[in-house]
Amino acid sequence: MLQILQWIQHHSVVLMLAVFLLLVISTFWPGRRAGFDRDSRIPLEDDR
């Protein structure tokens, strides 16, 4: 069990980088662009 925890500790940066990249890719996926643009205008529409 200790060997598994040490492996996770040594590779946690790589695992977190992979999670971050998956998050960025899922956010900026081309099919989601319309929703992303619509949601980015919400603060500007509140000023009207």
C-alpha atoms as a PDB file:
ATOM      1  CA  MET A   1       0.000   0.000   0.000  1.00  0.00           C
ATOM      2  CA  LEU A   2       2.843   2.370   0.827  1.00  0.00           C
ATOM      3  CA  GLN A   3       4.377   1.833  -2.615  1.00  0.00           C
ATOM      4  CA  ILE A   4       1.105   2.837  -4.277  1.00  0.00           C
ATOM      5  CA  LEU A   5       0.888   6.030  -2.206  1.00  0.00           C
ATOM      6  CA  GLN A   6       4.491   6.916  -3.035  1.00  0.00           C
ATOM      7  CA  TRP A   7       3.806   6.366  -6.765  1.00  0.00           C
ATOM      8  CA  ILE A   8       0.767   8.652  -6.576  1.00  0.00           C
ATOM      9  CA  GLN A   9       2.782  11.283  -4.707  1.00  0.00           C
ATOM     10  CA  HIS A  10       5.539  11.263  -7.338  1.00  0.00           C
ATOM     11  CA  HIS A  11       3.134  11.386 -10.274  1.00  0.00           C
ATOM     12  CA  SER A  12       0.493  13.726  -8.849  1.00  0.00           C
ATOM     13  CA  VAL A  13       1.735  16.663 -10.949  1.00  0.00           C
ATOM     14  CA  VAL A  14       1.240  14.666 -14.132  1.00  0.00           C
ATOM     15  CA  LEU A  15      -2.228  13.563 -12.996  1.00  0.00           C
ATOM     16  CA  MET A  16      -3.271  17.136 -12.137  1.00  0.00           C
ATOM     17  CA  LEU A  17      -1.946  18.380 -15.482  1.00  0.00           C
ATOM     18  CA  ALA A  18      -4.034  15.752 -17.268  1.00  0.00           C
ATOM     19  CA  VAL A  19      -7.155  16.798 -15.326  1.00  0.00           C
ATOM     20  CA  PHE A  20      -6.488  20.468 -16.118  1.00  0.00           C
ATOM     21  CA  LEU A  21      -6.021  19.762 -19.827  1.00  0.00           C
ATOM     22  CA  LEU A  22      -9.247  17.739 -19.957  1.00  0.00           C
ATOM     23  CA  LEU A  23     -11.076  20.631 -18.310  1.00  0.00           C
ATOM     24  CA  VAL A  24      -9.683  23.169 -20.777  1.00  0.00           C
ATOM     25  CA  ILE A  25     -10.431  20.951 -23.772  1.00  0.00           C
ATOM     26  CA  SER A  26     -13.997  20.314 -22.632  1.00  0.00           C
ATOM     27  CA  THR A  27     -14.551  24.039 -22.043  1.00  0.00           C
ATOM     28  CA  PHE A  28     -13.271  25.224 -25.420  1.00  0.00           C
ATOM     29  CA  TRP A  29     -14.630  22.347 -27.541  1.00  0.00           C
ATOM     30  CA  PRO A  30     -15.866  23.803 -30.863  1.00  0.00           C
ATOM     31  CA  GLY A  31     -19.429  22.544 -30.401  1.00  0.00           C
ATOM     32  CA  ARG A  32     -19.780  24.415 -27.125  1.00  0.00           C
ATOM     33  CA  ARG A  33     -18.693  27.784 -28.487  1.00  0.00           C
ATOM     34  CA  ALA A  34     -22.224  29.186 -28.946  1.00  0.00           C
ATOM     35  CA  GLY A  35     -23.145  28.511 -25.331  1.00  0.00           C
ATOM     36  CA  PHE A  36     -19.820  29.888 -24.131  1.00  0.00           C
ATOM     37  CA  ASP A  37     -20.330  33.122 -26.101  1.00  0.00           C
ATOM     38  CA  ARG A  38     -23.919  33.461 -24.850  1.00  0.00           C
ATOM     39  CA  ASP A  39     -22.870  32.966 -21.218  1.00  0.00           C
ATOM     40  CA  SER A  40     -20.006  35.454 -21.552  1.00  0.00           C
ATOM     41  CA  ARG A  41     -22.486  38.226 -22.460  1.00  0.00           C
ATOM     42  CA  ILE A  42     -24.550  37.834 -19.247  1.00  0.00           C
ATOM     43  CA  PRO A  43     -22.698  40.556 -17.265  1.00  0.00           C
ATOM     44  CA  LEU A  44     -23.031  42.994 -20.170  1.00  0.00           C
ATOM     45  CA  GLU A  45     -26.779  42.412 -20.484  1.00  0.00           C
ATOM     46  CA  ASP A  46     -27.310  43.174 -16.778  1.00  0.00           C
ATOM     47  CA  ASP A  47     -26.202  46.785 -17.344  1.00  0.00           C
ATOM     48  CA  ARG A  48     -29.110  47.551 -19.707  1.00  0.00           C
END
